Amino acid sequence: MVDIFQKEFTVKTSGKGTYEITDEVERFIRSSRVDSGQITVFVRHTSASLVIMENADPSARTDLHAFFNDLVPEDLPYLVHTYEGADDSPSHLRMALTRTSEVIPVINGKSALGTWQGVFLFEHRRAPHQRRICLTLIGTVA
């Protein structure tokens, strides 16, 4: 029989950057006792996203941040959606270039992430926010 488990949690950010949520995802998988299946991680916002990124060397994420700052700078003269400030439209564009959900296989009661992979909330706004993450785990219980 296949079971479904769901959970929502909040990540407090201090502004632009990546915030690792891998441990929270792994704890949820362990608590469910699902042996085989898949977990969907979803962020409920339009100015933040999710990335699976290297979690061993923080300089990899420093490079990611610099790349996105160059790719979608906040001073593009043609942007008109600035209701919440100069980073409003750029944060939505950065989200559109990344993802709002990730699906990860669960094998033997653990995520099938690679050795150096982690799941990160990618905050695109300068100001601190509270971001809601939804987890949905579908699988067979051991």
Protein backbone atom coordinates (compact mmCIF):
# COMPACT_ATOMS: atom_id res chain seq x y z
CA MET A 1 0.00 0.00 0.00
CA VAL A 2 1.20 3.51 -0.82
CA ASP A 3 0.99 6.16 1.89
CA ILE A 4 1.05 9.96 1.60
CA PHE A 5 2.58 12.24 4.23
CA GLN A 6 2.59 16.04 4.23
CA LYS A 7 4.22 18.75 6.27
CA GLU A 8 4.72 22.49 6.05
CA PHE A 9 7.52 24.41 7.74
CA THR A 10 8.88 27.94 7.72
CA VAL A 11 12.36 29.16 6.86
CA LYS A 12 13.36 32.56 8.22
CA THR A 13 15.73 34.32 5.86
CA SER A 14 17.94 37.31 6.52
CA GLY A 15 17.83 38.46 2.90
CA LYS A 16 19.32 37.29 -0.39
CA GLY A 17 21.11 33.98 -0.31
CA THR A 18 20.72 30.24 -0.03
CA TYR A 19 19.45 28.49 3.08
CA GLU A 20 19.97 24.76 3.39
CA ILE A 21 16.86 22.73 4.23
CA THR A 22 18.26 19.23 3.56
CA ASP A 23 18.21 18.20 7.24
CA GLU A 24 14.53 19.15 7.57
CA VAL A 25 13.68 17.09 4.47
CA GLU A 26 15.67 14.08 5.76
CA ARG A 27 14.05 14.29 9.24
CA PHE A 28 10.62 14.25 7.64
CA ILE A 29 11.48 11.19 5.54
CA ARG A 30 12.82 9.34 8.61
CA SER A 31 9.77 10.22 10.72
CA SER A 32 7.41 8.86 8.05
CA ARG A 33 9.21 5.48 7.91
CA VAL A 34 8.77 5.46 4.11
CA ASP A 35 11.25 3.00 2.62
CA SER A 36 10.69 3.64 -1.10
CA GLY A 37 8.98 6.51 -2.91
CA GLN A 38 9.50 10.17 -3.70
CA ILE A 39 9.34 13.48 -1.91
CA THR A 40 8.26 16.76 -3.44
CA VAL A 41 9.64 19.95 -1.89
CA PHE A 42 7.66 23.08 -2.84
CA VAL A 43 8.16 26.74 -1.90
CA ARG A 44 4.95 28.79 -1.68
CA HIS A 45 6.31 32.12 -2.94
CA THR A 46 7.03 33.99 -6.17
CA SER A 47 10.22 35.73 -5.05
CA ALA A 48 12.07 32.69 -3.69
CA SER A 49 12.89 29.34 -5.23
CA LEU A 50 14.55 26.00 -4.59
CA VAL A 51 17.85 24.64 -5.88
CA ILE A 52 19.73 21.42 -5.43
CA MET A 53 23.29 22.59 -5.09
CA GLU A 54 26.64 21.54 -3.70
CA ASN A 55 26.57 21.66 0.09
CA ALA A 56 30.20 20.82 0.90
CA ASP A 57 31.96 24.00 -0.21
CA PRO A 58 30.08 27.28 0.44
CA SER A 59 32.07 29.00 -2.32
CA ALA A 60 29.93 27.12 -4.87
CA ARG A 61 26.88 28.99 -3.54
CA THR A 62 28.84 32.26 -3.45
CA ASP A 63 29.42 31.78 -7.18
CA LEU A 64 25.70 31.03 -7.70
CA HIS A 65 24.73 34.25 -5.93
CA ALA A 66 27.21 36.31 -7.97
CA PHE A 67 26.04 34.69 -11.21
CA PHE A 68 22.38 35.56 -10.52
CA ASN A 69 23.28 39.11 -9.49
CA ASP A 70 24.97 39.54 -12.89
CA LEU A 71 22.27 37.65 -14.81
CA VAL A 72 19.35 39.63 -13.34
CA PRO A 73 20.64 42.90 -11.85
CA GLU A 74 18.28 45.13 -9.91
CA ASP A 75 18.95 48.21 -12.03
CA LEU A 76 17.58 47.08 -15.39
CA PRO A 77 16.01 50.26 -16.84
CA TYR A 78 13.07 48.51 -18.54
CA LEU A 79 11.63 46.82 -15.43
CA VAL A 80 8.27 48.29 -14.43
CA HIS A 81 7.14 45.95 -11.62
CA THR A 82 8.77 47.78 -8.70
CA TYR A 83 5.80 47.99 -6.32
CA GLU A 84 7.82 46.58 -3.42
CA GLY A 85 11.17 48.09 -4.38
CA ALA A 86 13.97 47.74 -6.91
CA ASP A 87 14.43 44.03 -6.11
CA ASP A 88 10.74 43.18 -6.72
CA SER A 89 10.76 42.29 -10.43
CA PRO A 90 14.30 40.87 -10.38
CA SER A 91 13.29 38.48 -7.59
CA HIS A 92 10.38 37.18 -9.68
CA LEU A 93 12.63 36.77 -12.73
CA ARG A 94 15.22 34.85 -10.70
CA MET A 95 12.47 32.58 -9.40
CA ALA A 96 11.23 31.95 -12.96
CA LEU A 97 14.75 30.94 -14.03
CA THR A 98 15.03 28.40 -11.23
CA ARG A 99 12.32 26.19 -9.70
CA THR A 100 9.61 26.31 -7.08
CA SER A 101 9.64 22.55 -6.56
CA GLU A 102 12.03 19.61 -6.57
CA VAL A 103 11.14 15.92 -6.70
CA ILE A 104 13.66 13.60 -5.04
CA PRO A 105 13.55 9.80 -4.99
CA VAL A 106 13.47 8.06 -1.61
CA ILE A 107 15.46 4.82 -1.48
CA ASN A 108 15.95 2.70 1.65
CA GLY A 109 14.37 5.36 3.85
CA LYS A 110 16.62 8.24 2.70
CA SER A 111 16.62 10.81 -0.05
CA ALA A 112 18.66 9.76 -3.07
CA LEU A 113 20.62 13.01 -3.07
CA GLY A 114 24.22 12.66 -4.19
CA THR A 115 27.16 12.92 -1.81
CA TRP A 116 27.65 16.67 -2.27
CA GLN A 117 24.04 17.65 -2.98
CA GLY A 118 21.82 19.65 -0.66
CA VAL A 119 18.37 21.21 -0.97
CA PHE A 120 18.37 24.98 -0.58
CA LEU A 121 15.78 27.70 -0.35
CA PHE A 122 17.07 30.44 -2.68
CA GLU A 123 15.93 33.80 -1.29
CA HIS A 124 15.84 36.50 -3.99
CA ARG A 125 14.73 39.48 -1.88
CA ARG A 126 17.07 41.77 0.08
CA ALA A 127 14.80 42.02 3.12
CA PRO A 128 14.29 39.18 5.62
CA HIS A 129 11.27 36.97 4.95
CA GLN A 130 9.52 33.94 6.34
CA ARG A 131 9.17 31.39 3.55
CA ARG A 132 6.75 28.47 3.68
CA ILE A 133 7.94 25.11 2.40
CA CYS A 134 5.55 22.21 1.71
CA LEU A 135 6.73 18.61 1.73
CA THR A 136 4.71 15.79 0.19
CA LEU A 137 6.07 12.27 0.56
CA ILE A 138 4.53 9.38 -1.34
CA GLY A 139 5.75 5.86 -0.82
CA THR A 140 5.63 2.50 0.86
CA VAL A 141 6.25 2.19 4.58
CA ALA A 142 8.81 -0.41 5.62
